[in-house]
């Protein structure tokens, strides 16, 4: 059976990780890559 909450949690956790990665890239002056991560 398809567990909707499990799928929601998966996407939320992935998005949170992406935001953290983008912030670190921007802090390290990797602006182009950081902004791409935020937009994507």
N, C-alpha and C. Protein backbone atom coordinates (compact mmCIF):
# COMPACT_ATOMS: atom_id res chain seq x y z
N UNK A 1 0.84 -1.19 0.00
CA UNK A 1 0.00 0.00 0.00
C UNK A 1 0.88 1.25 0.00
N UNK A 2 0.41 2.28 -0.60
CA UNK A 2 1.14 3.55 -0.74
C UNK A 2 0.98 4.36 0.54
N UNK A 3 2.12 4.70 1.17
CA UNK A 3 2.10 5.46 2.41
C UNK A 3 2.34 6.94 2.08
N UNK A 4 1.28 7.71 2.09
CA UNK A 4 1.36 9.13 1.70
C UNK A 4 2.25 9.91 2.67
N UNK A 5 2.09 9.71 3.96
CA UNK A 5 2.90 10.45 4.93
C UNK A 5 4.38 10.16 4.75
N UNK A 6 4.73 8.93 4.44
CA UNK A 6 6.13 8.58 4.20
C UNK A 6 6.68 9.34 3.00
N UNK A 7 5.89 9.48 1.96
CA UNK A 7 6.31 10.22 0.78
C UNK A 7 6.46 11.71 1.09
N UNK A 8 5.53 12.26 1.85
CA UNK A 8 5.61 13.67 2.23
C UNK A 8 6.87 13.92 3.05
N UNK A 9 7.14 13.06 4.02
CA UNK A 9 8.33 13.20 4.86
C UNK A 9 9.60 13.12 4.02
N UNK A 10 9.62 12.22 3.05
CA UNK A 10 10.78 12.06 2.17
C UNK A 10 11.08 13.37 1.43
N UNK A 11 10.04 13.97 0.85
CA UNK A 11 10.24 15.20 0.07
C UNK A 11 10.58 16.39 0.96
N UNK A 12 9.99 16.47 2.15
CA UNK A 12 10.30 17.56 3.07
C UNK A 12 11.75 17.45 3.54
N UNK A 13 12.18 16.26 3.91
CA UNK A 13 13.56 16.07 4.37
C UNK A 13 14.55 16.39 3.25
N UNK A 14 14.24 15.98 2.04
CA UNK A 14 15.11 16.28 0.91
C UNK A 14 15.21 17.77 0.66
N UNK A 15 14.07 18.47 0.77
CA UNK A 15 14.05 19.92 0.55
C UNK A 15 14.85 20.63 1.64
N UNK A 16 14.73 20.19 2.87
CA UNK A 16 15.49 20.80 3.96
C UNK A 16 16.98 20.62 3.73
N UNK A 17 17.39 19.44 3.30
CA UNK A 17 18.81 19.19 3.00
C UNK A 17 19.29 20.08 1.86
N UNK A 18 18.46 20.26 0.85
CA UNK A 18 18.83 21.11 -0.29
C UNK A 18 19.01 22.56 0.13
N UNK A 19 18.17 23.06 1.01
CA UNK A 19 18.29 24.44 1.49
C UNK A 19 19.59 24.61 2.28
N UNK A 20 19.90 23.66 3.13
CA UNK A 20 21.15 23.72 3.91
C UNK A 20 22.35 23.72 2.97
N UNK A 21 22.33 22.86 1.98
CA UNK A 21 23.43 22.79 1.01
C UNK A 21 23.56 24.11 0.25
N UNK A 22 22.44 24.67 -0.18
CA UNK A 22 22.47 25.94 -0.90
C UNK A 22 23.05 27.04 -0.02
N UNK A 23 22.66 27.08 1.24
CA UNK A 23 23.18 28.10 2.15
C UNK A 23 24.69 27.97 2.31
N UNK A 24 25.18 26.75 2.44
CA UNK A 24 26.62 26.53 2.57
C UNK A 24 27.36 26.95 1.30
N UNK A 25 26.80 26.63 0.16
CA UNK A 25 27.42 27.03 -1.10
C UNK A 25 27.50 28.55 -1.22
N UNK A 26 26.43 29.23 -0.87
CA UNK A 26 26.42 30.69 -0.95
C UNK A 26 27.42 31.29 0.03
N UNK A 27 27.51 30.74 1.24
CA UNK A 27 28.49 31.23 2.23
C UNK A 27 29.92 31.08 1.72
N UNK A 28 30.17 30.03 0.94
CA UNK A 28 31.51 29.77 0.41
C UNK A 28 31.74 30.47 -0.93
N UNK A 29 30.88 31.43 -1.24
CA UNK A 29 30.98 32.22 -2.47
C UNK A 29 30.80 31.38 -3.74
N UNK A 30 30.08 30.28 -3.61
CA UNK A 30 29.72 29.45 -4.76
C UNK A 30 28.29 29.84 -5.14
N UNK A 31 28.11 31.14 -5.38
CA UNK A 31 26.79 31.73 -5.53
C UNK A 31 25.98 31.10 -6.66
N UNK A 32 26.58 30.93 -7.82
CA UNK A 32 25.84 30.36 -8.94
C UNK A 32 25.28 28.98 -8.59
N UNK A 33 26.11 28.15 -8.00
CA UNK A 33 25.66 26.81 -7.64
C UNK A 33 24.64 26.85 -6.50
N UNK A 34 24.86 27.75 -5.55
CA UNK A 34 23.94 27.88 -4.43
C UNK A 34 22.57 28.37 -4.87
N UNK A 35 22.55 29.37 -5.74
CA UNK A 35 21.27 29.89 -6.21
C UNK A 35 20.55 28.87 -7.08
N UNK A 36 21.29 28.12 -7.87
CA UNK A 36 20.68 27.07 -8.68
C UNK A 36 19.99 26.05 -7.77
N UNK A 37 20.63 25.71 -6.66
CA UNK A 37 20.05 24.74 -5.72
C UNK A 37 18.76 25.28 -5.11
N UNK A 38 18.71 26.58 -4.81
CA UNK A 38 17.52 27.17 -4.22
C UNK A 38 16.39 27.21 -5.24
N UNK A 39 16.71 27.59 -6.46
CA UNK A 39 15.68 27.69 -7.49
C UNK A 39 15.16 26.32 -7.92
N UNK A 40 16.05 25.40 -8.04
CA UNK A 40 15.67 24.06 -8.51
C UNK A 40 14.79 23.43 -7.49
